[in-house]
Amino acid sequence: MKNIIKYLSVSLGSIALLISCEVGRFDLQDNPNFLTPESADPTYLLNEIQYLFQNIMEDMAVNSEEIMRYRAMTESYGDAISSDILSVEWERYYEALNVSRAIENQANSNPNLLFHNAINKLLLGYLTVTMVDHIGSIPYSEASNPTDFPNPKLDSGIDLYKIVLSDIDQAIADINEATFLVESDLFYDSDSTKWIAFANSFKLRLLIQTRLASDELGISDLQGEINSLLSMEIIDTESEDFVYRHGTVEVPESRHIYFRRGYLTGATTYMGNNFMWMLKDSKSVRDPRIRYYLYRQSSISPFSGPPYLACLGDPNVDFCYIGEQYWGLDHGETRTGRGDNNFRTTYGIYPGGGAFDENQLILASDATNLAGAGIVPIITTSYLKFLIAEAALKIGTNGNPQVLLDEAIRASMNKVLNFGNVSSSLAATNTDIDNYVAAVMDTYNNATDDQARLNIITTEFYLASFGNSIEAYNAYRRTGYPLNLQRPINDDNPIFPRSFPYATDAVNFNSSISQKQNRVKVFWDTNPDGFIN
């Protein structure tokens, strides 16, 4: 990662140069003591869009962790996805939109900013579809213009996807035409080939993600468009993976959110028993990533003390405790806060920059760790291969889904198992990887129909997506898989959130927005009500 302290200082400094234009508060007026975005240095503006991008994406990835069972959901679906969950991300998105339009305005009159604007379009586009995928329709075309549009209208998810797809094509053209590099590129260090690989991969992701509603996007030959992208430069090596790298600096805070949650004052969250069981016990072979994803803090019994786990003997609880000090909670368990912060299982070395589990069974903060130097995985080689495998199976695009599944799992294993340069007798080996892949492929080869095969592909995608629950949330709504995700233990008729509510301020300050229920589906989710739980 490039000079995180300098970057954050410049980025935070640039905030003071910008006029806040959050969509919930369009009554804010220009402060004549501040520089306008149009007069700000384009490097500062690009720093700001990158800062906002990584900040929003990390928070959005965390927002769906509970409902996707990575982290234990200790409440109901309605409480977990409440009207305040996106308040900060909503505000920051419209800050990013304001900055993005300032960069675009500067680039319109300065050809030296083509590369700047291409990066800007790709990052803002990724944020836009992420908001659409979580909420649905949002203000866009009239946003950031309070004088003319004090209550900006909602743009449909379909229209916004069309805009973003067009912007991706324009960004690729601009990168190819650009003659000046970018000085402050935190992702690819101004490597135009990698940015084009990302752009193509981003477009490929969107086409597969919306495969159930491609007609609404005006795509008449989805198979052909995907095959065309597969012949281009895409993310297919780890060096091309699109990730944000955290630092270890405390002020300003640069450490991964997983580290802050698990290593500063004891574990502040519970890991999901369902997720841990899938890693540990759902197959004949244990997942080699388990010691990298999870860190166990204690050797004491979870049923000692108050007791720490109150679920023993409760017939409503599926797991309660999966053994070997993997100490978490079931999906929907509300009996929490029992003084077990220093004993429960927490985040490991990947992706949050914590500790590798080699049976230390000591407090996470006392174990050797990466001090928060984790990553936010956004598009990786493995993620893309899982998506391509899905497309090959369901759409008939190029590639053998069986081969792609094998490659996707191995790409995930290589990324996770090589993270942090672990040197331990308990580190996973190539034999461990081979045995795991063989077990998965044996199940795949014995599957009797494509739905069973898709369940296997999506389940492995789910396990590989630890650290980016956005991918799991989208795949679950799109496919209905994995099948073995746990139902909430105290709810016989759960209504899974098919989308997120609008931020409270957005509803209060924009008369064009009315609050909606979480059961409302985004445009590409054409599956029936009650499809998932």
Protein backbone atom coordinates (compact mmCIF):
# COMPACT_ATOMS: atom_id res chain seq x y z
CA MET A 1 0.00 0.00 0.00
CA LYS A 2 1.27 3.44 -0.94
CA ASN A 3 2.05 5.80 1.94
CA ILE A 4 -1.21 5.48 3.85
CA ILE A 5 -0.46 8.35 6.23
CA LYS A 6 0.22 10.82 3.45
CA TYR A 7 -2.80 9.63 1.55
CA LEU A 8 -5.19 10.00 4.46
CA SER A 9 -3.80 13.40 5.38
CA VAL A 10 -4.32 14.65 1.84
CA SER A 11 -7.73 13.02 1.65
CA LEU A 12 -8.97 14.42 4.93
CA GLY A 13 -7.56 17.79 3.99
CA SER A 14 -9.44 17.71 0.74
CA ILE A 15 -12.72 17.28 2.59
CA ALA A 16 -12.30 20.81 3.89
CA LEU A 17 -12.03 22.01 0.31
CA LEU A 18 -15.33 20.52 -0.72
CA ILE A 19 -18.88 21.59 -0.26
CA SER A 20 -20.90 18.90 1.44
CA CYS A 21 -23.91 18.04 -0.71
CA GLU A 22 -25.57 15.08 0.95
CA VAL A 23 -28.86 14.10 -0.61
CA GLY A 24 -30.80 14.24 2.63
CA ARG A 25 -29.84 17.86 3.35
CA PHE A 26 -30.16 19.90 0.19
CA ASP A 27 -30.67 23.10 2.16
CA LEU A 28 -26.94 23.42 2.79
CA GLN A 29 -25.51 26.61 1.31
CA ASP A 30 -22.11 27.43 -0.19
CA ASN A 31 -19.54 28.60 2.33
CA PRO A 32 -17.55 31.42 0.66
CA ASN A 33 -14.55 30.59 2.86
CA PHE A 34 -14.17 27.18 1.22
CA LEU A 35 -12.85 26.39 -2.22
CA THR A 36 -15.41 24.91 -4.55
CA PRO A 37 -14.88 21.40 -5.90
CA GLU A 38 -14.29 22.84 -9.36
CA SER A 39 -11.32 24.85 -8.08
CA ALA A 40 -9.75 22.02 -6.06
CA ASP A 41 -6.63 20.23 -7.24
CA PRO A 42 -7.67 17.16 -9.29
CA THR A 43 -5.22 15.00 -7.33
CA TYR A 44 -6.95 15.97 -4.10
CA LEU A 45 -10.32 15.19 -5.65
CA LEU A 46 -9.16 11.78 -6.87
CA ASN A 47 -7.72 11.08 -3.42
CA GLU A 48 -11.10 11.89 -1.96
CA ILE A 49 -13.05 9.63 -4.32
CA GLN A 50 -10.66 6.77 -3.53
CA TYR A 51 -10.94 7.41 0.21
CA LEU A 52 -14.74 7.51 0.07
CA PHE A 53 -14.83 4.43 -2.17
CA GLN A 54 -12.85 2.17 0.17
CA ASN A 55 -14.66 3.54 3.22
CA ILE A 56 -18.12 2.97 1.78
CA MET A 57 -17.28 -0.44 0.30
CA GLU A 58 -15.86 -1.76 3.56
CA ASP A 59 -18.91 -0.57 5.50
CA MET A 60 -21.31 -1.97 2.91
CA ALA A 61 -19.53 -5.32 3.06
CA VAL A 62 -19.99 -5.34 6.83
CA ASN A 63 -23.66 -4.37 6.69
CA SER A 64 -24.85 -7.71 5.36
CA GLU A 65 -22.52 -9.96 7.37
CA GLU A 66 -25.15 -10.72 9.99
CA ILE A 67 -27.97 -11.67 7.66
CA MET A 68 -25.51 -13.76 5.62
CA ARG A 69 -24.45 -15.68 8.78
CA TYR A 70 -20.72 -14.84 8.71
CA ARG A 71 -21.21 -12.83 11.87
CA ALA A 72 -23.95 -13.97 14.23
CA MET A 73 -27.22 -12.07 13.92
CA THR A 74 -28.26 -11.40 17.50
CA GLU A 75 -31.65 -9.88 16.68
CA SER A 76 -34.43 -10.14 14.12
CA TYR A 77 -34.00 -9.40 10.42
CA GLY A 78 -35.93 -6.14 10.84
CA ASP A 79 -33.67 -4.98 13.64
CA ALA A 80 -30.50 -6.09 11.86
CA ILE A 81 -31.47 -4.15 8.71
CA SER A 82 -33.09 -1.07 10.21
CA SER A 83 -33.61 2.40 8.76
CA ASP A 84 -30.41 3.72 10.31
CA ILE A 85 -28.08 1.03 8.94
CA LEU A 86 -27.14 3.00 5.80
CA SER A 87 -27.25 6.52 7.24
CA VAL A 88 -23.48 7.09 7.08
CA GLU A 89 -23.00 5.25 3.79
CA TRP A 90 -25.87 7.21 2.22
CA GLU A 91 -24.29 10.52 3.15
CA ARG A 92 -20.85 9.45 1.99
CA TYR A 93 -22.20 8.18 -1.32
CA TYR A 94 -23.55 11.62 -2.15
CA GLU A 95 -20.29 13.20 -1.08
CA ALA A 96 -18.63 10.84 -3.55
CA LEU A 97 -21.14 11.76 -6.26
CA ASN A 98 -20.41 15.45 -5.69
CA VAL A 99 -16.64 14.88 -5.92
CA SER A 100 -17.08 12.65 -8.95
CA ARG A 101 -18.96 15.31 -10.87
CA ALA A 102 -16.30 17.87 -9.98
CA ILE A 103 -13.63 15.58 -11.46
CA GLU A 104 -15.73 15.04 -14.57
CA ASN A 105 -16.26 18.77 -15.01
CA GLN A 106 -12.52 19.40 -14.81
CA ALA A 107 -11.78 16.55 -17.22
CA ASN A 108 -14.21 17.94 -19.79
CA SER A 109 -11.86 20.87 -20.37
CA ASN A 110 -8.53 19.19 -19.62
CA PRO A 111 -7.47 16.16 -21.70
CA ASN A 112 -4.65 15.52 -19.24
CA LEU A 113 -7.29 14.28 -16.80
CA LEU A 114 -8.63 11.42 -18.93
CA PHE A 115 -7.08 8.76 -16.70
CA HIS A 116 -8.25 10.60 -13.55
CA ASN A 117 -11.79 10.67 -14.85
CA ALA A 118 -11.72 7.03 -15.98
CA ILE A 119 -10.78 5.90 -12.48
CA ASN A 120 -13.37 8.27 -11.08
CA LYS A 121 -16.13 6.83 -13.32
CA LEU A 122 -15.26 3.25 -12.41
CA LEU A 123 -15.18 3.89 -8.67
CA LEU A 124 -18.37 5.98 -8.64
CA GLY A 125 -20.05 3.39 -10.87
CA TYR A 126 -19.15 0.59 -8.49
CA LEU A 127 -20.55 2.57 -5.57
CA THR A 128 -23.72 3.35 -7.52
CA VAL A 129 -24.56 -0.25 -8.39
CA THR A 130 -23.72 -1.27 -4.82
CA MET A 131 -26.30 1.21 -3.57
CA VAL A 132 -28.81 -0.03 -6.17
CA ASP A 133 -28.13 -3.66 -5.22
CA HIS A 134 -28.91 -2.87 -1.59
CA ILE A 135 -31.68 -0.28 -1.87
CA GLY A 136 -33.12 -0.18 -5.38
CA SER A 137 -34.04 3.24 -6.79
CA ILE A 138 -31.98 6.18 -5.52
CA PRO A 139 -31.60 9.88 -6.45
CA TYR A 140 -28.88 10.33 -9.04
CA SER A 141 -29.61 12.48 -12.11
CA GLU A 142 -31.01 15.37 -10.03
CA ALA A 143 -28.78 14.82 -6.99
CA SER A 144 -26.08 17.29 -5.93
CA ASN A 145 -27.98 20.19 -7.48
CA PRO A 146 -30.02 21.65 -4.59
CA THR A 147 -30.80 24.93 -6.34
CA ASP A 148 -32.68 23.33 -9.22
CA PHE A 149 -33.71 20.11 -7.49
CA PRO A 150 -34.25 20.54 -3.73
CA ASN A 151 -36.05 17.16 -3.65
CA PRO A 152 -34.24 15.08 -6.27
CA LYS A 153 -36.27 12.32 -7.85
CA LEU A 154 -35.50 8.63 -7.66
CA ASP A 155 -33.73 7.05 -10.62
CA SER A 156 -34.62 3.42 -11.22
CA GLY A 157 -32.08 0.69 -10.68
CA ILE A 158 -32.44 -0.29 -14.33
CA ASP A 159 -31.59 3.22 -15.54
CA LEU A 160 -28.64 3.46 -13.17
CA TYR A 161 -27.24 0.13 -14.33
CA LYS A 162 -27.49 1.35 -17.92
CA ILE A 163 -25.62 4.52 -16.99
CA VAL A 164 -22.88 2.58 -15.21
CA LEU A 165 -22.47 0.09 -18.06
CA SER A 166 -22.07 3.01 -20.45
CA ASP A 167 -19.60 4.71 -18.10
CA ILE A 168 -17.49 1.54 -17.98
CA ASP A 169 -17.19 1.56 -21.77
CA GLN A 170 -16.27 5.25 -21.72
CA ALA A 171 -13.70 4.69 -18.97
CA ILE A 172 -12.00 1.99 -21.04
CA ALA A 173 -11.88 4.29 -24.05
CA ASP A 174 -10.45 7.12 -21.92
CA ILE A 175 -7.76 4.88 -20.42
CA ASN A 176 -6.70 3.77 -23.87
CA GLU A 177 -6.52 7.39 -25.02
CA ALA A 178 -4.89 8.86 -21.91
CA THR A 179 -1.30 10.07 -22.14
CA PHE A 180 -0.88 11.24 -18.53
CA LEU A 181 -0.71 8.89 -15.55
CA VAL A 182 -2.26 9.33 -12.12
CA GLU A 183 0.05 10.20 -9.22
CA SER A 184 -2.20 8.97 -6.41
CA ASP A 185 -3.60 5.61 -7.54
CA LEU A 186 -3.95 3.44 -4.43
CA PHE A 187 -5.18 0.39 -6.29
CA TYR A 188 -3.05 -0.24 -9.39
CA ASP A 189 -0.30 2.41 -9.30
CA SER A 190 -1.41 3.84 -12.66
CA ASP A 191 -1.15 0.50 -14.45
CA SER A 192 -3.57 1.02 -17.33
CA THR A 193 -3.66 -2.68 -18.24
CA LYS A 194 -4.86 -3.60 -14.75
CA TRP A 195 -7.48 -0.84 -14.76
CA ILE A 196 -8.83 -2.16 -18.06
CA ALA A 197 -8.88 -5.69 -16.61
CA PHE A 198 -10.86 -4.32 -13.68
CA ALA A 199 -13.26 -2.44 -15.95
CA ASN A 200 -13.97 -5.54 -18.05
CA SER A 201 -14.33 -7.65 -14.91
CA PHE A 202 -16.68 -5.10 -13.38
CA LYS A 203 -18.87 -5.20 -16.49
CA LEU A 204 -18.76 -9.00 -16.54
CA ARG A 205 -19.86 -9.07 -12.90
CA LEU A 206 -22.81 -6.81 -13.65
CA LEU A 207 -23.97 -8.87 -16.62
CA ILE A 208 -23.92 -12.11 -14.64
CA GLN A 209 -25.44 -10.49 -11.57
CA THR A 210 -28.41 -9.25 -13.60
CA ARG A 211 -28.78 -12.36 -15.75
CA LEU A 212 -32.39 -12.87 -14.58
CA ALA A 213 -33.34 -9.39 -15.82
CA SER A 214 -31.03 -8.81 -18.78
CA ASP A 215 -33.97 -7.97 -21.07
CA GLU A 216 -34.78 -4.98 -18.87
CA LEU A 217 -31.28 -3.67 -19.52
CA GLY A 218 -31.80 -3.98 -23.26
CA ILE A 219 -29.35 -6.87 -23.58
CA SER A 220 -30.57 -9.15 -26.35
CA ASP A 221 -27.57 -11.49 -26.48
CA LEU A 222 -26.34 -11.95 -22.93
CA GLN A 223 -24.36 -15.06 -23.80
CA GLY A 224 -22.59 -13.27 -26.64
CA GLU A 225 -21.75 -10.21 -24.55
CA ILE A 226 -20.31 -12.34 -21.76
CA ASN A 227 -18.31 -14.45 -24.21
CA SER A 228 -16.92 -11.27 -25.75
CA LEU A 229 -15.75 -10.05 -22.34
CA LEU A 230 -14.19 -13.43 -21.60
CA SER A 231 -11.95 -12.97 -24.62
CA MET A 232 -10.67 -9.64 -23.28
CA GLU A 233 -8.28 -8.72 -20.49
CA ILE A 234 -9.98 -9.56 -17.17
CA ILE A 235 -8.85 -10.18 -13.61
CA ASP A 236 -7.37 -13.67 -13.74
CA THR A 237 -4.19 -13.40 -11.67
CA GLU A 238 -3.75 -12.39 -8.06
CA SER A 239 -1.64 -9.39 -9.04
CA GLU A 240 -4.72 -8.00 -10.81
CA ASP A 241 -7.10 -8.51 -7.86
CA PHE A 242 -8.95 -5.33 -7.02
CA VAL A 243 -8.46 -4.88 -3.28
CA TYR A 244 -7.90 -2.04 -0.84
CA ARG A 245 -4.95 -2.50 1.51
CA HIS A 246 -5.22 -1.24 5.07
CA GLY A 247 -2.35 0.06 7.16
CA THR A 248 -1.46 -0.22 10.85
CA VAL A 249 -1.66 3.48 11.78
CA GLU A 250 -3.96 4.33 14.68
CA VAL A 251 -4.28 8.10 14.08
CA PRO A 252 -5.74 8.66 11.60
CA GLU A 253 -7.31 5.21 11.85
CA SER A 254 -6.12 3.01 9.00
CA ARG A 255 -6.62 -0.49 10.46
CA HIS A 256 -9.13 -3.00 9.12
CA ILE A 257 -12.52 -2.97 10.82
CA TYR A 258 -12.19 -6.69 11.68
CA PHE A 259 -9.02 -5.94 13.64
CA ARG A 260 -10.68 -3.08 15.47
CA ARG A 261 -13.60 -5.33 16.37
CA GLY A 262 -11.55 -8.27 17.56
CA TYR A 263 -8.20 -7.09 18.86
CA LEU A 264 -8.53 -3.83 20.76
CA THR A 265 -10.93 -4.38 23.67
CA GLY A 266 -11.86 -8.02 23.27
CA ALA A 267 -14.13 -9.38 20.57
CA THR A 268 -17.11 -7.07 20.19
CA THR A 269 -19.05 -9.40 17.87
CA TYR A 270 -19.81 -13.12 17.65
CA MET A 271 -18.90 -15.26 14.68
CA GLY A 272 -21.79 -17.20 13.14
CA ASN A 273 -22.00 -20.84 14.18
CA ASN A 274 -23.47 -21.73 10.80
CA PHE A 275 -20.48 -20.28 8.94
CA MET A 276 -17.97 -21.91 11.30
CA TRP A 277 -19.76 -25.25 10.97
CA MET A 278 -19.61 -24.99 7.17
CA LEU A 279 -15.84 -24.54 7.39
CA LYS A 280 -15.27 -27.18 10.05
CA ASP A 281 -17.83 -29.94 9.68
CA SER A 282 -20.00 -29.67 6.58
CA LYS A 283 -17.70 -31.82 4.43
CA SER A 284 -15.57 -34.89 4.90
CA VAL A 285 -12.54 -32.58 4.70
CA ARG A 286 -12.05 -29.50 6.87
CA ASP A 287 -11.70 -26.22 5.00
CA PRO A 288 -7.98 -25.29 4.90
CA ARG A 289 -8.91 -21.60 5.32
CA ILE A 290 -10.43 -22.04 8.78
CA ARG A 291 -7.28 -21.10 10.74
CA TYR A 292 -6.82 -18.03 8.52
CA TYR A 293 -10.43 -16.84 8.72
CA LEU A 294 -10.98 -17.53 12.44
CA TYR A 295 -8.98 -17.10 15.63
CA ARG A 296 -9.91 -18.93 18.87
CA GLN A 297 -9.13 -16.99 22.01
CA SER A 298 -9.60 -19.36 24.92
CA SER A 299 -9.35 -22.91 26.21
CA ILE A 300 -12.10 -22.61 28.83
CA SER A 301 -15.48 -24.28 28.43
CA PRO A 302 -18.16 -22.03 26.92
CA PHE A 303 -20.60 -23.58 29.38
CA SER A 304 -18.59 -22.54 32.42
CA GLY A 305 -18.86 -19.15 34.08
CA PRO A 306 -22.29 -17.41 34.02
CA PRO A 307 -22.61 -19.76 31.76
CA TYR A 308 -21.15 -17.95 28.82
CA LEU A 309 -23.36 -19.75 26.30
CA ALA A 310 -26.98 -19.99 27.39
CA CYS A 311 -28.09 -22.33 24.61
CA LEU A 312 -27.23 -25.72 26.13
CA GLY A 313 -30.22 -28.05 25.86
CA ASP A 314 -32.39 -25.51 24.03
CA PRO A 315 -34.32 -27.47 21.34
CA ASN A 316 -34.69 -24.36 19.18
CA VAL A 317 -30.93 -24.01 18.71
CA ASP A 318 -29.30 -25.93 15.88
CA PHE A 319 -25.63 -25.66 16.80
CA CYS A 320 -25.12 -23.89 20.13
CA TYR A 321 -21.44 -24.90 20.18
CA ILE A 322 -19.62 -26.71 17.36
CA GLY A 323 -16.68 -27.79 19.51
CA GLU A 324 -12.90 -27.33 19.59
CA GLN A 325 -13.27 -23.81 21.04
CA TYR A 326 -15.04 -22.49 17.94
CA TRP A 327 -17.25 -20.30 20.06
CA GLY A 328 -19.97 -18.29 18.36
CA LEU A 329 -23.75 -17.98 18.22
CA ASP A 330 -26.58 -19.35 16.12
CA HIS A 331 -28.45 -17.23 13.58
CA GLY A 332 -30.96 -15.14 15.52
CA GLU A 333 -29.63 -15.92 19.01
CA THR A 334 -30.45 -12.98 21.29
CA ARG A 335 -28.83 -14.17 24.55
CA THR A 336 -25.62 -12.16 24.36
CA GLY A 337 -23.33 -9.98 26.44
CA ARG A 338 -22.45 -12.63 29.02
CA GLY A 339 -18.90 -11.49 29.73
CA ASP A 340 -17.29 -13.66 27.06
CA ASN A 341 -15.59 -10.98 24.94
CA ASN A 342 -12.13 -12.39 25.67
CA PHE A 343 -13.15 -16.00 25.07
CA ARG A 344 -15.31 -16.12 21.96
CA THR A 345 -13.87 -16.83 18.49
CA THR A 346 -12.96 -13.74 16.50
CA TYR A 347 -11.56 -12.73 13.13
CA GLY A 348 -8.28 -14.27 12.01
CA ILE A 349 -5.40 -13.14 9.85
CA TYR A 350 -7.41 -13.00 6.58
CA PRO A 351 -8.70 -10.55 5.53
CA GLY A 352 -8.59 -8.34 8.61
CA GLY A 353 -4.91 -8.42 9.49
CA GLY A 354 -5.35 -10.32 12.76
CA ALA A 355 -3.69 -13.50 14.01
CA PHE A 356 -3.22 -16.92 12.44
CA ASP A 357 -4.72 -19.63 14.66
CA GLU A 358 -2.05 -22.14 15.66
CA ASN A 359 -3.78 -23.32 18.83
CA GLN A 360 -2.49 -20.42 20.94
CA LEU A 361 -5.87 -20.17 22.71
CA ILE A 362 -4.92 -16.80 24.15
CA LEU A 363 -6.44 -13.35 23.91
CA ALA A 364 -6.30 -12.14 20.31
CA SER A 365 -4.45 -8.94 21.20
CA ASP A 366 -1.74 -10.99 22.89
CA ALA A 367 -1.16 -13.21 19.87
CA THR A 368 1.28 -12.29 17.11
CA ASN A 369 -0.82 -10.51 14.49
CA LEU A 370 -0.65 -8.14 11.51
CA ALA A 371 -1.85 -5.16 13.58
CA GLY A 372 -4.78 -4.53 11.27
CA ALA A 373 -2.94 -4.55 7.93
CA GLY A 374 -5.75 -6.40 6.20
CA ILE A 375 -7.47 -5.99 2.87
CA VAL A 376 -10.94 -5.27 1.52
CA PRO A 377 -11.38 -7.79 -1.33
CA ILE A 378 -13.66 -6.24 -3.96
CA ILE A 379 -13.12 -8.22 -7.17
CA THR A 380 -10.65 -11.07 -6.95
CA THR A 381 -9.67 -13.80 -9.37
CA SER A 382 -11.65 -16.36 -7.38
CA TYR A 383 -14.80 -14.22 -7.19
CA LEU A 384 -14.78 -13.73 -10.94
CA LYS A 385 -14.18 -17.40 -11.67
CA PHE A 386 -17.12 -18.39 -9.48
CA LEU A 387 -19.32 -15.97 -11.40
CA ILE A 388 -18.05 -17.26 -14.74
CA ALA A 389 -18.70 -20.83 -13.59
CA GLU A 390 -22.29 -19.82 -12.76
CA ALA A 391 -22.70 -18.23 -16.18
CA ALA A 392 -21.26 -21.28 -17.95
CA LEU A 393 -23.69 -23.53 -16.09
CA LYS A 394 -26.83 -21.38 -16.33
CA ILE A 395 -26.34 -19.38 -19.55
CA GLY A 396 -24.07 -21.67 -21.53
CA THR A 397 -21.22 -19.18 -21.88
CA ASN A 398 -17.70 -20.28 -22.72
CA GLY A 399 -15.85 -22.45 -20.25
CA ASN A 400 -16.42 -25.70 -18.40
CA PRO A 401 -18.18 -24.98 -15.09
CA GLN A 402 -16.46 -27.96 -13.48
CA VAL A 403 -13.01 -26.68 -14.43
CA LEU A 404 -13.90 -23.12 -13.46
CA LEU A 405 -15.12 -24.28 -10.04
CA ASP A 406 -11.82 -26.08 -9.44
CA GLU A 407 -9.87 -22.98 -10.51
CA ALA A 408 -12.03 -20.66 -8.40
CA ILE A 409 -11.52 -22.66 -5.22
CA ARG A 410 -7.78 -22.89 -5.78
CA ALA A 411 -7.55 -19.16 -6.49
CA SER A 412 -9.28 -18.44 -3.19
CA MET A 413 -7.06 -20.89 -1.32
CA ASN A 414 -3.91 -19.35 -2.78
CA LYS A 415 -4.97 -15.86 -1.85
CA VAL A 416 -5.98 -16.71 1.71
CA LEU A 417 -3.24 -19.19 2.54
CA ASN A 418 -0.47 -16.93 1.25
CA PHE A 419 -1.75 -13.90 3.12
CA GLY A 420 0.52 -12.61 5.85
CA ASN A 421 3.41 -14.99 5.13
CA VAL A 422 2.34 -17.48 7.78
CA SER A 423 5.14 -19.71 9.01
CA SER A 424 3.68 -22.46 11.16
CA SER A 425 3.55 -26.23 11.34
CA LEU A 426 -0.23 -25.81 11.25
CA ALA A 427 -0.28 -23.81 8.04
CA ALA A 428 -2.30 -25.43 5.27
CA THR A 429 -0.41 -27.46 2.71
CA ASN A 430 -0.90 -28.19 -0.98
CA THR A 431 -2.12 -31.63 0.03
CA ASP A 432 -4.79 -30.01 2.22
CA ILE A 433 -5.93 -27.93 -0.75
CA ASP A 434 -5.94 -30.94 -3.09
CA ASN A 435 -7.97 -33.02 -0.64
CA TYR A 436 -10.51 -30.26 -0.16
CA VAL A 437 -10.90 -29.63 -3.89
CA ALA A 438 -11.22 -33.36 -4.52
CA ALA A 439 -14.04 -33.60 -1.96
CA VAL A 440 -15.93 -30.70 -3.56
CA MET A 441 -15.42 -31.98 -7.08
CA ASP A 442 -16.56 -35.47 -6.09
CA THR A 443 -19.82 -33.98 -4.82
CA TYR A 444 -20.14 -31.89 -7.98
CA ASN A 445 -19.56 -34.87 -10.26
CA ASN A 446 -22.23 -36.85 -8.41
CA ALA A 447 -24.81 -34.07 -8.61
CA THR A 448 -27.83 -35.10 -10.64
CA ASP A 449 -29.00 -31.75 -12.02
CA ASP A 450 -27.82 -28.20 -12.67
CA GLN A 451 -29.56 -26.78 -9.61
CA ALA A 452 -27.55 -29.11 -7.36
CA ARG A 453 -24.41 -28.10 -9.25
CA LEU A 454 -25.26 -24.42 -8.87
CA ASN A 455 -25.71 -24.95 -5.14
CA ILE A 456 -22.18 -26.35 -4.94
CA ILE A 457 -20.70 -23.48 -6.97
CA THR A 458 -22.52 -20.84 -4.92
CA THR A 459 -21.68 -22.52 -1.61
CA GLU A 460 -17.99 -22.41 -2.46
CA PHE A 461 -18.41 -18.80 -3.60
CA TYR A 462 -20.00 -18.04 -0.23
CA LEU A 463 -17.08 -19.55 1.67
CA ALA A 464 -14.57 -17.70 -0.50
CA SER A 465 -16.42 -14.39 -0.02
CA PHE A 466 -15.58 -14.03 3.66
CA GLY A 467 -14.63 -10.36 3.97
CA ASN A 468 -17.03 -9.25 1.24
CA SER A 469 -20.55 -10.30 2.13
CA ILE A 470 -21.88 -8.13 -0.71
CA GLU A 471 -21.06 -10.96 -3.10
CA ALA A 472 -22.78 -13.53 -0.89
CA TYR A 473 -25.85 -11.31 -0.41
CA ASN A 474 -26.22 -10.80 -4.16
CA ALA A 475 -25.66 -14.48 -4.97
CA TYR A 476 -28.16 -15.62 -2.32
CA ARG A 477 -30.90 -13.42 -3.76
CA ARG A 478 -30.00 -14.38 -7.32
CA THR A 479 -29.68 -18.16 -6.87
CA GLY A 480 -31.21 -19.12 -3.52
CA TYR A 481 -27.97 -20.84 -2.53
CA PRO A 482 -26.23 -22.02 -0.35
CA LEU A 483 -29.06 -24.31 0.72
CA ASN A 484 -27.52 -25.05 4.11
CA LEU A 485 -27.75 -21.52 5.52
CA GLN A 486 -29.43 -21.58 8.90
CA ARG A 487 -32.91 -20.14 9.48
CA PRO A 488 -33.30 -17.72 12.41
CA ILE A 489 -33.73 -19.94 15.45
CA ASN A 490 -36.59 -17.93 17.01
CA ASP A 491 -38.61 -17.15 13.88
CA ASP A 492 -40.78 -19.75 12.18
CA ASN A 493 -41.75 -17.37 9.37
CA PRO A 494 -38.74 -15.15 8.67
CA ILE A 495 -38.86 -12.49 5.99
CA PHE A 496 -35.36 -12.23 4.61
CA PRO A 497 -34.40 -8.65 3.66
CA ARG A 498 -34.47 -8.60 -0.14
CA SER A 499 -33.30 -4.97 0.05
CA PHE A 500 -32.32 -2.33 2.60
CA PRO A 501 -34.48 0.61 3.71
CA TYR A 502 -33.72 4.21 2.84
CA ALA A 503 -31.68 6.14 5.37
CA THR A 504 -33.92 8.00 7.82
CA ASP A 505 -32.52 11.42 6.86
CA ALA A 506 -33.13 10.70 3.19
CA VAL A 507 -36.84 10.17 3.88
CA ASN A 508 -37.09 13.11 6.29
CA PHE A 509 -35.40 15.68 4.04
CA ASN A 510 -36.40 14.60 0.54
CA SER A 511 -40.11 14.58 -0.24
CA SER A 512 -39.44 12.44 -3.34
CA ILE A 513 -38.50 9.49 -1.11
CA SER A 514 -40.95 7.35 0.82
CA GLN A 515 -39.76 4.58 3.09
CA LYS A 516 -40.19 1.03 1.84
CA GLN A 517 -40.29 -2.40 3.41
CA ASN A 518 -37.28 -4.72 3.40
CA ARG A 519 -39.25 -7.33 1.47
CA VAL A 520 -39.17 -5.10 -1.66
CA LYS A 521 -36.88 -6.63 -4.27
CA VAL A 522 -34.30 -4.88 -6.43
CA PHE A 523 -34.94 -5.05 -10.17
CA TRP A 524 -32.66 -7.99 -10.94
CA ASP A 525 -34.09 -10.14 -8.13
CA THR A 526 -36.98 -11.72 -10.04
CA ASN A 527 -37.30 -14.68 -7.70
CA PRO A 528 -40.60 -15.21 -5.81
CA ASP A 529 -41.43 -13.97 -2.32
CA GLY A 530 -40.27 -16.38 0.37
CA PHE A 531 -37.60 -17.69 -1.99
CA ILE A 532 -34.93 -17.42 0.70
CA ASN A 533 -34.88 -17.12 4.48
